[in-house]
């Protein structure tokens, strides 16, 4: 697991610390879950998603990747 240092305002840090305590989770777990909700995944996870989608359809690998990229972009830009 990699480590990351970020700079937050004092009020945001307090809010994050309170949220982690209320949910009985670490700050790292909250951040990781937030990244997952935004669709931020490793290339390996994305490749696995494409592999599963391709196995269920008649799409070529190139077409399946294009569909996956389109869906990820749409998900990330939800209001």
N, C-alpha and C. Protein backbone atom coordinates (compact mmCIF):
# COMPACT_ATOMS: atom_id res chain seq x y z
N UNK A 1 0.86 -1.17 0.00
CA UNK A 1 0.00 0.00 0.00
C UNK A 1 0.90 1.23 0.00
N UNK A 2 0.57 2.17 -0.85
CA UNK A 2 1.34 3.42 -0.95
C UNK A 2 0.83 4.43 0.06
N UNK A 3 1.70 5.38 0.39
CA UNK A 3 1.33 6.46 1.31
C UNK A 3 1.24 7.75 0.51
N UNK A 4 0.38 8.66 0.98
CA UNK A 4 0.14 9.91 0.29
C UNK A 4 0.01 11.01 1.33
N UNK A 5 0.61 12.16 1.06
CA UNK A 5 0.45 13.32 1.93
C UNK A 5 -0.35 14.37 1.18
N UNK A 6 -1.40 14.87 1.82
CA UNK A 6 -2.23 15.92 1.20
C UNK A 6 -2.36 17.08 2.18
N UNK A 7 -2.70 18.23 1.64
CA UNK A 7 -2.92 19.42 2.46
C UNK A 7 -4.39 19.77 2.40
N UNK A 8 -5.01 19.86 3.57
CA UNK A 8 -6.42 20.21 3.69
C UNK A 8 -6.57 21.42 4.60
N UNK A 9 -7.65 22.15 4.43
CA UNK A 9 -7.94 23.22 5.38
C UNK A 9 -8.23 22.56 6.73
N UNK A 10 -8.06 23.32 7.77
CA UNK A 10 -8.29 22.78 9.11
C UNK A 10 -9.74 22.32 9.26
N UNK A 11 -10.68 23.09 8.71
CA UNK A 11 -12.09 22.72 8.84
C UNK A 11 -12.41 21.43 8.07
N UNK A 12 -11.82 21.28 6.89
CA UNK A 12 -12.06 20.05 6.11
C UNK A 12 -11.45 18.85 6.82
N UNK A 13 -10.27 19.03 7.40
CA UNK A 13 -9.62 17.93 8.12
C UNK A 13 -10.49 17.51 9.32
N UNK A 14 -11.00 18.49 10.06
CA UNK A 14 -11.86 18.17 11.21
C UNK A 14 -13.11 17.42 10.75
N UNK A 15 -13.71 17.86 9.65
CA UNK A 15 -14.92 17.21 9.12
C UNK A 15 -14.60 15.78 8.70
N UNK A 16 -13.45 15.58 8.07
CA UNK A 16 -13.05 14.24 7.65
C UNK A 16 -12.79 13.35 8.85
N UNK A 17 -12.14 13.90 9.85
CA UNK A 17 -11.85 13.15 11.07
C UNK A 17 -13.15 12.76 11.80
N UNK A 18 -14.10 13.70 11.86
CA UNK A 18 -15.39 13.40 12.49
C UNK A 18 -16.16 12.34 11.71
N UNK A 19 -16.16 12.46 10.38
CA UNK A 19 -16.86 11.48 9.55
C UNK A 19 -16.27 10.09 9.72
N UNK A 20 -14.95 10.02 9.81
CA UNK A 20 -14.33 8.70 9.97
C UNK A 20 -14.69 8.10 11.33
N UNK A 21 -14.73 8.92 12.36
CA UNK A 21 -15.10 8.43 13.69
C UNK A 21 -16.56 7.97 13.72
N UNK A 22 -17.45 8.74 13.09
CA UNK A 22 -18.88 8.39 13.07
C UNK A 22 -19.12 7.08 12.34
N UNK A 23 -18.33 6.83 11.30
CA UNK A 23 -18.51 5.62 10.50
C UNK A 23 -17.63 4.46 10.96
N UNK A 24 -16.83 4.72 12.00
CA UNK A 24 -15.91 3.71 12.53
C UNK A 24 -14.96 3.21 11.43
N UNK A 25 -14.43 4.16 10.65
CA UNK A 25 -13.49 3.85 9.58
C UNK A 25 -12.30 4.78 9.68
N UNK A 26 -11.21 4.39 9.05
CA UNK A 26 -10.05 5.27 9.02
C UNK A 26 -10.27 6.34 7.95
N UNK A 27 -9.51 7.41 8.05
CA UNK A 27 -9.56 8.45 7.03
C UNK A 27 -9.17 7.86 5.68
N UNK A 28 -8.18 6.99 5.68
CA UNK A 28 -7.75 6.34 4.44
C UNK A 28 -8.88 5.52 3.81
N UNK A 29 -9.66 4.83 4.63
CA UNK A 29 -10.79 4.05 4.11
C UNK A 29 -11.84 4.96 3.49
N UNK A 30 -12.12 6.10 4.12
CA UNK A 30 -13.09 7.04 3.56
C UNK A 30 -12.61 7.59 2.22
N UNK A 31 -11.34 7.93 2.15
CA UNK A 31 -10.80 8.46 0.90
C UNK A 31 -10.84 7.39 -0.18
N UNK A 32 -10.47 6.17 0.17
CA UNK A 32 -10.49 5.07 -0.80
C UNK A 32 -11.91 4.82 -1.32
N UNK A 33 -12.89 4.83 -0.44
CA UNK A 33 -14.28 4.65 -0.85
C UNK A 33 -14.75 5.80 -1.75
N UNK A 34 -14.32 7.02 -1.43
CA UNK A 34 -14.69 8.18 -2.25
C UNK A 34 -14.11 8.05 -3.65
N UNK A 35 -12.87 7.62 -3.76
CA UNK A 35 -12.25 7.43 -5.07
C UNK A 35 -12.99 6.36 -5.86
N UNK A 36 -13.41 5.31 -5.18
CA UNK A 36 -14.17 4.25 -5.84
C UNK A 36 -15.50 4.80 -6.37
N UNK A 37 -16.17 5.63 -5.57
CA UNK A 37 -17.43 6.23 -6.00
C UNK A 37 -17.26 7.12 -7.22
N UNK A 38 -16.10 7.74 -7.35
CA UNK A 38 -15.82 8.59 -8.51
C UNK A 38 -15.33 7.78 -9.71
N UNK A 39 -15.25 6.49 -9.55
CA UNK A 39 -14.86 5.64 -10.67
C UNK A 39 -13.37 5.61 -10.93
N UNK A 40 -12.58 6.03 -9.96
CA UNK A 40 -11.13 6.03 -10.12
C UNK A 40 -10.62 4.64 -9.73
N UNK A 41 -10.12 3.94 -10.74
CA UNK A 41 -9.69 2.56 -10.56
C UNK A 41 -8.33 2.35 -11.22
N UNK A 42 -7.69 1.27 -10.84
CA UNK A 42 -6.41 0.94 -11.45
C UNK A 42 -6.63 0.44 -12.87
N UNK A 43 -5.60 0.46 -13.67
CA UNK A 43 -5.70 -0.08 -15.03
C UNK A 43 -6.08 -1.55 -15.01
N UNK A 44 -5.58 -2.28 -14.00
CA UNK A 44 -5.89 -3.70 -13.90
C UNK A 44 -7.39 -3.90 -13.67
N UNK A 45 -7.98 -3.09 -12.79
CA UNK A 45 -9.42 -3.19 -12.53
C UNK A 45 -10.21 -2.85 -13.79
N UNK A 46 -9.78 -1.81 -14.49
CA UNK A 46 -10.48 -1.41 -15.71
C UNK A 46 -10.36 -2.51 -16.77
N UNK A 47 -9.17 -3.10 -16.90
CA UNK A 47 -8.97 -4.18 -17.88
C UNK A 47 -9.84 -5.38 -17.54
N UNK A 48 -9.98 -5.68 -16.26
CA UNK A 48 -10.84 -6.79 -15.84
C UNK A 48 -12.30 -6.50 -16.18
N UNK A 49 -12.72 -5.27 -15.99
CA UNK A 49 -14.08 -4.88 -16.33
C UNK A 49 -14.32 -5.07 -17.83
N UNK A 50 -13.37 -4.66 -18.64
CA UNK A 50 -13.48 -4.83 -20.09
C UNK A 50 -13.52 -6.31 -20.44
N UNK A 51 -12.67 -7.12 -19.81
CA UNK A 51 -12.63 -8.56 -20.09
C UNK A 51 -13.99 -9.20 -19.80
N UNK A 52 -14.58 -8.85 -18.66
CA UNK A 52 -15.89 -9.41 -18.30
C UNK A 52 -16.97 -8.96 -19.26
N UNK A 53 -16.94 -7.68 -19.64
CA UNK A 53 -17.94 -7.18 -20.58
C UNK A 53 -17.80 -7.87 -21.93
N UNK A 54 -16.58 -8.05 -22.36
CA UNK A 54 -16.35 -8.69 -23.66
C UNK A 54 -16.81 -10.14 -23.65
N UNK A 55 -16.59 -10.83 -22.54
CA UNK A 55 -17.00 -12.23 -22.44
C UNK A 55 -18.51 -12.38 -22.54
N UNK A 56 -19.24 -11.34 -22.17
CA UNK A 56 -20.70 -11.40 -22.19
C UNK A 56 -21.30 -10.84 -23.48
N UNK A 57 -20.48 -10.39 -24.38
CA UNK A 57 -21.03 -9.79 -25.59
C UNK A 57 -20.25 -10.27 -26.81
N UNK A 58 -20.68 -9.80 -27.95
CA UNK A 58 -19.99 -10.15 -29.19
C UNK A 58 -19.06 -9.03 -29.63
N UNK A 59 -18.78 -8.07 -28.75
CA UNK A 59 -17.91 -6.96 -29.10
C UNK A 59 -16.46 -7.40 -29.22
N UNK A 60 -15.73 -6.71 -30.07
CA UNK A 60 -14.29 -6.93 -30.13
C UNK A 60 -13.67 -6.26 -28.91
N UNK A 61 -12.41 -6.56 -28.64
CA UNK A 61 -11.74 -5.94 -27.50
C UNK A 61 -11.71 -4.41 -27.65
N UNK A 62 -11.45 -3.94 -28.85
CA UNK A 62 -11.41 -2.50 -29.11
C UNK A 62 -12.77 -1.85 -28.86
N UNK A 63 -13.83 -2.48 -29.34
CA UNK A 63 -15.18 -1.94 -29.13
C UNK A 63 -15.59 -1.98 -27.66
N UNK A 64 -15.24 -3.05 -26.98
CA UNK A 64 -15.57 -3.17 -25.56
C UNK A 64 -14.84 -2.09 -24.76
N UNK A 65 -13.59 -1.82 -25.10
CA UNK A 65 -12.84 -0.79 -24.41
C UNK A 65 -13.46 0.58 -24.65
N UNK A 66 -13.90 0.83 -25.88
CA UNK A 66 -14.54 2.10 -26.20
C UNK A 66 -15.82 2.29 -25.38
N UNK A 67 -16.62 1.22 -25.25
CA UNK A 67 -17.85 1.29 -24.45
C UNK A 67 -17.50 1.56 -22.99
N UNK A 68 -16.50 0.85 -22.47
CA UNK A 68 -16.11 1.03 -21.06
C UNK A 68 -15.62 2.46 -20.82
N UNK A 69 -14.81 2.99 -21.70
CA UNK A 69 -14.30 4.35 -21.54
C UNK A 69 -15.45 5.36 -21.56
N UNK A 70 -16.40 5.16 -22.46
CA UNK A 70 -17.55 6.05 -22.55
C UNK A 70 -18.35 6.02 -21.25
N UNK A 71 -18.57 4.83 -20.71
CA UNK A 71 -19.33 4.69 -19.47
C UNK A 71 -18.60 5.33 -18.30
N UNK A 72 -17.30 5.15 -18.23
CA UNK A 72 -16.52 5.73 -17.14
C UNK A 72 -16.59 7.26 -17.22
N UNK A 73 -16.42 7.80 -18.41
CA UNK A 73 -16.51 9.26 -18.57
C UNK A 73 -17.89 9.78 -18.17
N UNK A 74 -18.92 9.09 -18.58
CA UNK A 74 -20.28 9.50 -18.23
C UNK A 74 -20.49 9.46 -16.72
N UNK A 75 -19.96 8.41 -16.07
CA UNK A 75 -20.12 8.27 -14.63
C UNK A 75 -19.37 9.37 -13.89
N UNK A 76 -18.17 9.68 -14.34
CA UNK A 76 -17.36 10.70 -13.68
C UNK A 76 -17.93 12.11 -13.84
N UNK A 77 -18.71 12.34 -14.87
CA UNK A 77 -19.24 13.67 -15.11
C UNK A 77 -20.70 13.83 -14.71
N UNK A 78 -21.18 12.92 -13.87
CA UNK A 78 -22.55 13.05 -13.37
C UNK A 78 -22.64 14.29 -12.48
N UNK A 79 -23.72 15.05 -12.61
CA UNK A 79 -23.87 16.25 -11.74
C UNK A 79 -24.16 15.89 -10.31
